[in-house]
Amino acid sequence: DYLVFADQLERALRPLSVDWYDDDGLGGVDLCHATT
């Protein structure tokens, strides 16, 4: 169960590892609009 949950949790938290957080990415927008 721990292994299955860890796999599901990694997929849910994968957006934390993307390379979107810099001046030219989400750090430079005026507003973030999450559609869900």
PDB file of all heavy atoms in Angstrom:
ATOM      1  N   ASP A   1       0.829  -1.209   0.000  1.00  0.00           N
ATOM      2  CA  ASP A   1       0.000   0.000   0.000  1.00  0.00           C
ATOM      3  C   ASP A   1       0.865   1.263   0.000  1.00  0.00           C
ATOM      4  O   ASP A   1       0.549   2.237  -0.688  1.00  0.00           O
ATOM      5  CB  ASP A   1      -0.921   0.012   1.222  1.00  0.00           C
ATOM      6  CG  ASP A   1      -1.908  -1.143   1.211  1.00  0.00           C
ATOM      7  OD1 ASP A   1      -2.314  -1.549   0.110  1.00  0.00           O
ATOM      8  OD2 ASP A   1      -2.250  -1.638   2.301  1.00  0.00           O
ATOM      9  N   TYR A   2       1.966   1.231   0.763  1.00  0.00           N
ATOM     10  CA  TYR A   2       2.854   2.393   0.774  1.00  0.00           C
ATOM     11  C   TYR A   2       3.434   2.647  -0.611  1.00  0.00           C
ATOM     12  O   TYR A   2       3.534   3.801  -1.058  1.00  0.00           O
ATOM     13  CB  TYR A   2       3.996   2.186   1.776  1.00  0.00           C
ATOM     14  CG  TYR A   2       3.558   1.856   3.178  1.00  0.00           C
ATOM     15  CD1 TYR A   2       4.296   0.966   3.961  1.00  0.00           C
ATOM     16  CD2 TYR A   2       2.417   2.424   3.737  1.00  0.00           C
ATOM     17  CE1 TYR A   2       3.905   0.644   5.254  1.00  0.00           C
ATOM     18  CE2 TYR A   2       2.019   2.111   5.025  1.00  0.00           C
ATOM     19  CZ  TYR A   2       2.766   1.217   5.775  1.00  0.00           C
ATOM     20  OH  TYR A   2       2.374   0.894   7.050  1.00  0.00           O
ATOM     21  N   LEU A   3       3.815   1.583  -1.293  1.00  0.00           N
ATOM     22  CA  LEU A   3       4.416   1.739  -2.622  1.00  0.00           C
ATOM     23  C   LEU A   3       3.401   2.265  -3.631  1.00  0.00           C
ATOM     24  O   LEU A   3       3.721   3.122  -4.458  1.00  0.00           O
ATOM     25  CB  LEU A   3       4.993   0.399  -3.089  1.00  0.00           C
ATOM     26  CG  LEU A   3       6.104  -0.189  -2.203  1.00  0.00           C
ATOM     27  CD1 LEU A   3       6.579  -1.524  -2.769  1.00  0.00           C
ATOM     28  CD2 LEU A   3       7.269   0.780  -2.064  1.00  0.00           C
ATOM     29  N   VAL A   4       2.169   1.759  -3.566  1.00  0.00           N
ATOM     30  CA  VAL A   4       1.134   2.227  -4.498  1.00  0.00           C
ATOM     31  C   VAL A   4       0.811   3.695  -4.230  1.00  0.00           C
ATOM     32  O   VAL A   4       0.703   4.510  -5.152  1.00  0.00           O
ATOM     33  CB  VAL A   4      -0.131   1.354  -4.380  1.00  0.00           C
ATOM     34  CG1 VAL A   4      -1.277   1.957  -5.203  1.00  0.00           C
ATOM     35  CG2 VAL A   4       0.159  -0.059  -4.862  1.00  0.00           C
ATOM     36  N   PHE A   5       0.660   4.050  -2.960  1.00  0.00           N
ATOM     37  CA  PHE A   5       0.355   5.443  -2.630  1.00  0.00           C
ATOM     38  C   PHE A   5       1.502   6.363  -3.020  1.00  0.00           C
ATOM     39  O   PHE A   5       1.275   7.477  -3.529  1.00  0.00           O
ATOM     40  CB  PHE A   5       0.055   5.575  -1.142  1.00  0.00           C
ATOM     41  CG  PHE A   5      -0.107   7.000  -0.685  1.00  0.00           C
ATOM     42  CD1 PHE A   5      -1.188   7.758  -1.096  1.00  0.00           C
ATOM     43  CD2 PHE A   5       0.841   7.595   0.135  1.00  0.00           C
ATOM     44  CE1 PHE A   5      -1.344   9.075  -0.697  1.00  0.00           C
ATOM     45  CE2 PHE A   5       0.701   8.903   0.542  1.00  0.00           C
ATOM     46  CZ  PHE A   5      -0.393   9.647   0.127  1.00  0.00           C
ATOM     47  N   ALA A   6       2.748   5.922  -2.804  1.00  0.00           N
ATOM     48  CA  ALA A   6       3.893   6.753  -3.180  1.00  0.00           C
ATOM     49  C   ALA A   6       3.910   7.010  -4.678  1.00  0.00           C
ATOM     50  O   ALA A   6       4.229   8.116  -5.127  1.00  0.00           O
ATOM     51  CB  ALA A   6       5.192   6.078  -2.736  1.00  0.00           C
ATOM     52  N   ASP A   7       3.554   5.997  -5.472  1.00  0.00           N
ATOM     53  CA  ASP A   7       3.501   6.185  -6.923  1.00  0.00           C
ATOM     54  C   ASP A   7       2.413   7.183  -7.300  1.00  0.00           C
ATOM     55  O   ASP A   7       2.633   8.073  -8.128  1.00  0.00           O
ATOM     56  CB  ASP A   7       3.255   4.838  -7.595  1.00  0.00           C
ATOM     57  CG  ASP A   7       3.159   4.960  -9.106  1.00  0.00           C
ATOM     58  OD1 ASP A   7       4.197   5.183  -9.756  1.00  0.00           O
ATOM     59  OD2 ASP A   7       2.029   4.843  -9.635  1.00  0.00           O
ATOM     60  N   GLN A   8       1.229   7.050  -6.700  1.00  0.00           N
ATOM     61  CA  GLN A   8       0.137   7.985  -6.977  1.00  0.00           C
ATOM     62  C   GLN A   8       0.491   9.397  -6.513  1.00  0.00           C
ATOM     63  O   GLN A   8       0.179  10.387  -7.187  1.00  0.00           O
ATOM     64  CB  GLN A   8      -1.139   7.510  -6.276  1.00  0.00           C
ATOM     65  CG  GLN A   8      -1.668   6.168  -6.763  1.00  0.00           C
ATOM     66  CD  GLN A   8      -2.338   6.274  -8.108  1.00  0.00           C
ATOM     67  OE1 GLN A   8      -2.857   7.328  -8.462  1.00  0.00           O
ATOM     68  NE2 GLN A   8      -2.330   5.195  -8.866  1.00  0.00           N
ATOM     69  N   LEU A   9       1.161   9.502  -5.373  1.00  0.00           N
ATOM     70  CA  LEU A   9       1.526  10.812  -4.849  1.00  0.00           C
ATOM     71  C   LEU A   9       2.570  11.478  -5.740  1.00  0.00           C
ATOM     72  O   LEU A   9       2.523  12.699  -5.966  1.00  0.00           O
ATOM     73  CB  LEU A   9       2.056  10.661  -3.423  1.00  0.00           C
ATOM     74  CG  LEU A   9       2.392  11.957  -2.676  1.00  0.00           C
ATOM     75  CD1 LEU A   9       1.147  12.805  -2.497  1.00  0.00           C
ATOM     76  CD2 LEU A   9       3.034  11.651  -1.329  1.00  0.00           C
ATOM     77  N   GLU A  10       3.507  10.703  -6.267  1.00  0.00           N
ATOM     78  CA  GLU A  10       4.524  11.283  -7.145  1.00  0.00           C
ATOM     79  C   GLU A  10       3.890  11.877  -8.387  1.00  0.00           C
ATOM     80  O   GLU A  10       4.283  12.957  -8.843  1.00  0.00           O
ATOM     81  CB  GLU A  10       5.543  10.206  -7.532  1.00  0.00           C
ATOM     82  CG  GLU A  10       6.738  10.719  -8.313  1.00  0.00           C
ATOM     83  CD  GLU A  10       6.465  10.882  -9.800  1.00  0.00           C
ATOM     84  OE1 GLU A  10       5.729  10.038 -10.361  1.00  0.00           O
ATOM     85  OE2 GLU A  10       6.960  11.852 -10.397  1.00  0.00           O
ATOM     86  N   ARG A  11       2.903  11.199  -8.949  1.00  0.00           N
ATOM     87  CA  ARG A  11       2.225  11.732 -10.134  1.00  0.00           C
ATOM     88  C   ARG A  11       1.452  13.004  -9.790  1.00  0.00           C
ATOM     89  O   ARG A  11       1.415  13.947 -10.576  1.00  0.00           O
ATOM     90  CB  ARG A  11       1.297  10.678 -10.728  1.00  0.00           C
ATOM     91  CG  ARG A  11       2.018   9.467 -11.291  1.00  0.00           C
ATOM     92  CD  ARG A  11       1.051   8.400 -11.763  1.00  0.00           C
ATOM     93  NE  ARG A  11       1.753   7.180 -12.114  1.00  0.00           N
ATOM     94  CZ  ARG A  11       2.249   6.914 -13.323  1.00  0.00           C
ATOM     95  NH1 ARG A  11       2.099   7.798 -14.293  1.00  0.00           N
ATOM     96  NH2 ARG A  11       2.871   5.776 -13.571  1.00  0.00           N
ATOM     97  N   ALA A  12       0.820  13.015  -8.611  1.00  0.00           N
ATOM     98  CA  ALA A  12       0.057  14.209  -8.221  1.00  0.00           C
ATOM     99  C   ALA A  12       0.971  15.400  -7.964  1.00  0.00           C
ATOM    100  O   ALA A  12       0.596  16.548  -8.248  1.00  0.00           O
ATOM    101  CB  ALA A  12      -0.776  13.909  -6.977  1.00  0.00           C
ATOM    102  N   LEU A  13       2.190  15.147  -7.442  1.00  0.00           N
ATOM    103  CA  LEU A  13       3.116  16.231  -7.120  1.00  0.00           C
ATOM    104  C   LEU A  13       4.100  16.523  -8.244  1.00  0.00           C
ATOM    105  O   LEU A  13       4.988  17.375  -8.073  1.00  0.00           O
ATOM    106  CB  LEU A  13       3.901  15.883  -5.849  1.00  0.00           C
ATOM    107  CG  LEU A  13       3.094  15.784  -4.552  1.00  0.00           C
ATOM    108  CD1 LEU A  13       4.009  15.421  -3.391  1.00  0.00           C
ATOM    109  CD2 LEU A  13       2.364  17.084  -4.256  1.00  0.00           C
ATOM    110  N   ARG A  14       3.968  15.876  -9.378  1.00  0.00           N
ATOM    111  CA  ARG A  14       4.919  16.087 -10.469  1.00  0.00           C
ATOM    112  C   ARG A  14       4.986  17.535 -10.937  1.00  0.00           C
ATOM    113  O   ARG A  14       6.052  17.998 -11.357  1.00  0.00           O
ATOM    114  CB  ARG A  14       4.583  15.151 -11.637  1.00  0.00           C
ATOM    115  CG  ARG A  14       5.660  15.109 -12.706  1.00  0.00           C
ATOM    116  CD  ARG A  14       5.397  13.992 -13.691  1.00  0.00           C
ATOM    117  NE  ARG A  14       5.471  12.687 -13.050  1.00  0.00           N
ATOM    118  CZ  ARG A  14       5.183  11.544 -13.676  1.00  0.00           C
ATOM    119  NH1 ARG A  14       4.781  11.569 -14.941  1.00  0.00           N
ATOM    120  NH2 ARG A  14       5.292  10.398 -13.040  1.00  0.00           N
ATOM    121  N   PRO A  15       3.883  18.308 -10.898  1.00  0.00           N
ATOM    122  CA  PRO A  15       4.011  19.726 -11.291  1.00  0.00           C
ATOM    123  C   PRO A  15       5.022  20.515 -10.460  1.00  0.00           C
ATOM    124  O   PRO A  15       5.482  21.567 -10.905  1.00  0.00           O
ATOM    125  CB  PRO A  15       2.590  20.269 -11.100  1.00  0.00           C
ATOM    126  CG  PRO A  15       1.709  19.078 -11.305  1.00  0.00           C
ATOM    127  CD  PRO A  15       2.466  17.930 -10.709  1.00  0.00           C
ATOM    128  N   LEU A  16       5.403  20.034  -9.268  1.00  0.00           N
ATOM    129  CA  LEU A  16       6.409  20.736  -8.484  1.00  0.00           C
ATOM    130  C   LEU A  16       7.791  20.651  -9.125  1.00  0.00           C
ATOM    131  O   LEU A  16       8.666  21.472  -8.831  1.00  0.00           O
ATOM    132  CB  LEU A  16       6.482  20.151  -7.068  1.00  0.00           C
ATOM    133  CG  LEU A  16       5.220  20.237  -6.207  1.00  0.00           C
ATOM    134  CD1 LEU A  16       5.482  19.636  -4.842  1.00  0.00           C
ATOM    135  CD2 LEU A  16       4.736  21.672  -6.078  1.00  0.00           C
ATOM    136  N   SER A  17       8.003  19.645  -9.994  1.00  0.00           N
ATOM    137  CA  SER A  17       9.324  19.413 -10.577  1.00  0.00           C
ATOM    138  C   SER A  17       9.485  19.994 -11.971  1.00  0.00           C
ATOM    139  O   SER A  17      10.562  19.848 -12.559  1.00  0.00           O
ATOM    140  CB  SER A  17       9.606  17.898 -10.621  1.00  0.00           C
ATOM    141  OG  SER A  17       9.568  17.328  -9.327  1.00  0.00           O
ATOM    142  N   VAL A  18       8.472  20.623 -12.531  1.00  0.00           N
ATOM    143  CA  VAL A  18       8.591  21.161 -13.881  1.00  0.00           C
ATOM    144  C   VAL A  18       9.432  22.430 -13.861  1.00  0.00           C
ATOM    145  O   VAL A  18       9.643  23.049 -12.806  1.00  0.00           O
ATOM    146  CB  VAL A  18       7.198  21.448 -14.478  1.00  0.00           C
ATOM    147  CG1 VAL A  18       6.403  20.163 -14.646  1.00  0.00           C
ATOM    148  CG2 VAL A  18       6.426  22.432 -13.604  1.00  0.00           C
ATOM    149  N   ASP A  19       9.923  22.813 -15.044  1.00  0.00           N
ATOM    150  CA  ASP A  19      10.812  23.973 -15.146  1.00  0.00           C
ATOM    151  C   ASP A  19      10.046  25.240 -15.536  1.00  0.00           C
ATOM    152  O   ASP A  19      10.463  25.984 -16.415  1.00  0.00           O
ATOM    153  CB  ASP A  19      11.918  23.694 -16.168  1.00  0.00           C
ATOM    154  CG  ASP A  19      11.357  23.362 -17.546  1.00  0.00           C
ATOM    155  OD1 ASP A  19      10.137  23.114 -17.649  1.00  0.00           O
ATOM    156  OD2 ASP A  19      12.132  23.350 -18.516  1.00  0.00           O
ATOM    157  N   TRP A  20       8.940  25.471 -14.875  1.00  0.00           N
ATOM    158  CA  TRP A  20       8.099  26.621 -15.196  1.00  0.00           C
ATOM    159  C   TRP A  20       8.324  27.804 -14.264  1.00  0.00           C
ATOM    160  O   TRP A  20       7.731  28.861 -14.459  1.00  0.00           O
ATOM    161  CB  TRP A  20       6.618  26.232 -15.112  1.00  0.00           C
ATOM    162  CG  TRP A  20       6.205  25.157 -16.081  1.00  0.00           C
ATOM    163  CD1 TRP A  20       6.906  24.709 -17.160  1.00  0.00           C
ATOM    164  CD2 TRP A  20       4.982  24.420 -16.068  1.00  0.00           C
ATOM    165  NE1 TRP A  20       6.203  23.729 -17.812  1.00  0.00           N
ATOM    166  CE2 TRP A  20       5.003  23.531 -17.164  1.00  0.00           C
ATOM    167  CE3 TRP A  20       3.859  24.421 -15.244  1.00  0.00           C
ATOM    168  CZ2 TRP A  20       3.964  22.652 -17.453  1.00  0.00           C
ATOM    169  CZ3 TRP A  20       2.814  23.552 -15.512  1.00  0.00           C
ATOM    170  CH2 TRP A  20       2.868  22.673 -16.614  1.00  0.00           C
ATOM    171  N   TYR A  21       9.157  27.640 -13.228  1.00  0.00           N
ATOM    172  CA  TYR A  21       9.221  28.651 -12.175  1.00  0.00           C
ATOM    173  C   TYR A  21      10.475  29.504 -12.329  1.00  0.00           C
ATOM    174  O   TYR A  21      11.507  29.269 -11.697  1.00  0.00           O
ATOM    175  CB  TYR A  21       9.194  27.961 -10.801  1.00  0.00           C
ATOM    176  CG  TYR A  21       8.099  26.929 -10.689  1.00  0.00           C
ATOM    177  CD1 TYR A  21       8.398  25.574 -10.554  1.00  0.00           C
ATOM    178  CD2 TYR A  21       6.761  27.305 -10.764  1.00  0.00           C
ATOM    179  CE1 TYR A  21       7.392  24.630 -10.472  1.00  0.00           C
ATOM    180  CE2 TYR A  21       5.753  26.360 -10.685  1.00  0.00           C
ATOM    181  CZ  TYR A  21       6.066  25.033 -10.542  1.00  0.00           C
ATOM    182  OH  TYR A  21       5.068  24.089 -10.469  1.00  0.00           O
ATOM    183  N   ASP A  22      10.385  30.495 -13.209  1.00  0.00           N
ATOM    184  CA  ASP A  22      11.470  31.442 -13.408  1.00  0.00           C
ATOM    185  C   ASP A  22      10.874  32.740 -13.931  1.00  0.00           C
ATOM    186  O   ASP A  22       9.657  32.877 -14.099  1.00  0.00           O
ATOM    187  CB  ASP A  22      12.528  30.887 -14.374  1.00  0.00           C
ATOM    188  CG  ASP A  22      11.934  30.384 -15.675  1.00  0.00           C
ATOM    189  OD1 ASP A  22      10.908  30.945 -16.123  1.00  0.00           O
ATOM    190  OD2 ASP A  22      12.479  29.426 -16.262  1.00  0.00           O
ATOM    191  N   ASP A  23      11.742  33.724 -14.181  1.00  0.00           N
ATOM    192  CA  ASP A  23      11.274  35.029 -14.630  1.00  0.00           C
ATOM    193  C   ASP A  23      10.526  34.948 -15.951  1.00  0.00           C
ATOM    194  O   ASP A  23       9.597  35.721 -16.204  1.00  0.00           O
ATOM    195  CB  ASP A  23      12.458  35.977 -14.789  1.00  0.00           C
ATOM    196  CG  ASP A  23      13.158  36.228 -13.469  1.00  0.00           C
ATOM    197  OD1 ASP A  23      12.534  35.968 -12.430  1.00  0.00           O
ATOM    198  OD2 ASP A  23      14.313  36.673 -13.486  1.00  0.00           O
ATOM    199  N   ASP A  24      10.951  34.032 -16.800  1.00  0.00           N
ATOM    200  CA  ASP A  24      10.342  33.925 -18.118  1.00  0.00           C
ATOM    201  C   ASP A  24       9.146  32.986 -18.111  1.00  0.00           C
ATOM    202  O   ASP A  24       8.516  32.790 -19.140  1.00  0.00           O
ATOM    203  CB  ASP A  24      11.391  33.421 -19.130  1.00  0.00           C
ATOM    204  CG  ASP A  24      10.998  33.761 -20.556  1.00  0.00           C
ATOM    205  OD1 ASP A  24      10.407  34.835 -20.767  1.00  0.00           O
ATOM    206  OD2 ASP A  24      11.273  32.941 -21.462  1.00  0.00           O
ATOM    207  N   GLY A  25       8.831  32.388 -16.966  1.00  0.00           N
ATOM    208  CA  GLY A  25       7.701  31.488 -16.851  1.00  0.00           C
ATOM    209  C   GLY A  25       6.626  32.070 -15.966  1.00  0.00           C
ATOM    210  O   GLY A  25       6.193  33.217 -16.131  1.00  0.00           O
ATOM    211  N   LEU A  26       6.206  31.286 -14.981  1.00  0.00           N
ATOM    212  CA  LEU A  26       5.126  31.741 -14.112  1.00  0.00           C
ATOM    213  C   LEU A  26       5.538  32.902 -13.219  1.00  0.00           C
ATOM    214  O   LEU A  26       4.677  33.616 -12.700  1.00  0.00           O
ATOM    215  CB  LEU A  26       4.635  30.569 -13.255  1.00  0.00           C
ATOM    216  CG  LEU A  26       3.832  29.504 -14.001  1.00  0.00           C
ATOM    217  CD1 LEU A  26       3.519  28.323 -13.095  1.00  0.00           C
ATOM    218  CD2 LEU A  26       2.538  30.088 -14.554  1.00  0.00           C
ATOM    219  N   GLY A  27       6.844  33.096 -13.040  1.00  0.00           N
ATOM    220  CA  GLY A  27       7.278  34.249 -12.260  1.00  0.00           C
ATOM    221  C   GLY A  27       7.070  35.570 -12.967  1.00  0.00           C
ATOM    222  O   GLY A  27       7.106  36.626 -12.330  1.00  0.00           O
ATOM    223  N   GLY A  28       6.829  35.541 -14.284  1.00  0.00           N
ATOM    224  CA  GLY A  28       6.657  36.770 -15.042  1.00  0.00           C
ATOM    225  C   GLY A  28       5.238  37.072 -15.440  1.00  0.00           C
ATOM    226  O   GLY A  28       4.991  38.078 -16.116  1.00  0.00           O
ATOM    227  N   VAL A  29       4.272  36.224 -15.047  1.00  0.00           N
ATOM    228  CA  VAL A  29       2.881  36.490 -15.417  1.00  0.00           C
ATOM    229  C   VAL A  29       2.253  37.426 -14.403  1.00  0.00           C
ATOM    230  O   VAL A  29       2.729  37.579 -13.267  1.00  0.00           O
ATOM    231  CB  VAL A  29       2.070  35.174 -15.516  1.00  0.00           C
ATOM    232  CG1 VAL A  29       2.684  34.238 -16.540  1.00  0.00           C
ATOM    233  CG2 VAL A  29       1.956  34.491 -14.162  1.00  0.00           C
ATOM    234  N   ASP A  30       1.182  38.062 -14.802  1.00  0.00           N
ATOM    235  CA  ASP A  30       0.458  38.966 -13.900  1.00  0.00           C
ATOM    236  C   ASP A  30      -0.599  38.248 -13.075  1.00  0.00           C
ATOM    237  O   ASP A  30      -0.988  38.726 -12.011  1.00  0.00           O
ATOM    238  CB  ASP A  30      -0.210  40.069 -14.712  1.00  0.00           C
ATOM    239  CG  ASP A  30       0.793  40.907 -15.475  1.00  0.00           C
ATOM    240  OD1 ASP A  30       1.705  41.449 -14.839  1.00  0.00           O
ATOM    241  OD2 ASP A  30       0.685  41.000 -16.712  1.00  0.00           O
ATOM    242  N   LEU A  31      -1.064  37.096 -13.583  1.00  0.00           N
ATOM    243  CA  LEU A  31      -2.142  36.378 -12.910  1.00  0.00           C
ATOM    244  C   LEU A  31      -2.075  34.919 -13.325  1.00  0.00           C
ATOM    245  O   LEU A  31      -1.884  34.603 -14.507  1.00  0.00           O
ATOM    246  CB  LEU A  31      -3.501  36.976 -13.297  1.00  0.00           C
ATOM    247  CG  LEU A  31      -4.761  36.215 -12.868  1.00  0.00           C
ATOM    248  CD1 LEU A  31      -4.906  36.245 -11.352  1.00  0.00           C
ATOM    249  CD2 LEU A  31      -6.003  36.809 -13.531  1.00  0.00           C
ATOM    250  N   CYS A  32      -2.224  34.011 -12.374  1.00  0.00           N
ATOM    251  CA  CYS A  32      -2.366  32.583 -12.646  1.00  0.00           C
ATOM    252  C   CYS A  32      -3.849  32.223 -12.570  1.00  0.00           C
ATOM    253  O   CYS A  32      -4.514  32.524 -11.574  1.00  0.00           O
ATOM    254  CB  CYS A  32      -1.585  31.748 -11.639  1.00  0.00           C
ATOM    255  SG  CYS A  32       0.166  31.609 -11.986  1.00  0.00           S
ATOM    256  N   HIS A  33      -4.350  31.577 -13.624  1.00  0.00           N
ATOM    257  CA  HIS A  33      -5.744  31.151 -13.665  1.00  0.00           C
ATOM    258  C   HIS A  33      -5.762  29.635 -13.807  1.00  0.00           C
ATOM    259  O   HIS A  33      -5.474  29.095 -14.879  1.00  0.00           O
ATOM    260  CB  HIS A  33      -6.479  31.815 -14.835  1.00  0.00           C
ATOM    261  CG  HIS A  33      -7.945  31.506 -14.869  1.00  0.00           C
ATOM    262  ND1 HIS A  33      -8.809  32.088 -15.788  1.00  0.00           N
ATOM    263  CD2 HIS A  33      -8.728  30.696 -14.094  1.00  0.00           C
ATOM    264  CE1 HIS A  33     -10.025  31.630 -15.575  1.00  0.00           C
ATOM    265  NE2 HIS A  33      -9.996  30.781 -14.556  1.00  0.00           N
ATOM    266  N   ALA A  34      -6.055  28.925 -12.721  1.00  0.00           N
ATOM    267  CA  ALA A  34      -6.165  27.465 -12.734  1.00  0.00           C
ATOM    268  C   ALA A  34      -7.574  27.086 -13.154  1.00  0.00           C
ATOM    269  O   ALA A  34      -8.547  27.522 -12.541  1.00  0.00           O
ATOM    270  CB  ALA A  34      -5.840  26.893 -11.363  1.00  0.00           C
ATOM    271  N   THR A  35      -7.681  26.276 -14.208  1.00  0.00           N
ATOM    272  CA  THR A  35      -8.994  25.906 -14.734  1.00  0.00           C
ATOM    273  C   THR A  35      -9.631  24.761 -13.976  1.00  0.00           C
ATOM    274  O   THR A  35     -10.739  24.348 -14.303  1.00  0.00           O
ATOM    275  CB  THR A  35      -8.881  25.530 -16.217  1.00  0.00           C
ATOM    276  OG1 THR A  35      -7.985  24.415 -16.360  1.00  0.00           O
ATOM    277  CG2 THR A  35      -8.348  26.705 -17.023  1.00  0.00           C
ATOM    278  N   THR A  36      -8.952  24.225 -12.971  1.00  0.00           N
ATOM    279  CA  THR A  36      -9.503  23.217 -12.087  1.00  0.00           C
ATOM    280  C   THR A  36      -8.624  23.162 -10.850  1.00  0.00           C
ATOM    281  O   THR A  36      -7.563  23.801 -10.793  1.00  0.00           O
ATOM    282  CB  THR A  36      -9.559  21.835 -12.774  1.00  0.00           C
ATOM    283  OG1 THR A  36     -10.166  20.875 -11.906  1.00  0.00           O
ATOM    284  CG2 THR A  36      -8.162  21.350 -13.135  1.00  0.00           C
TER     285      THR A  36
END
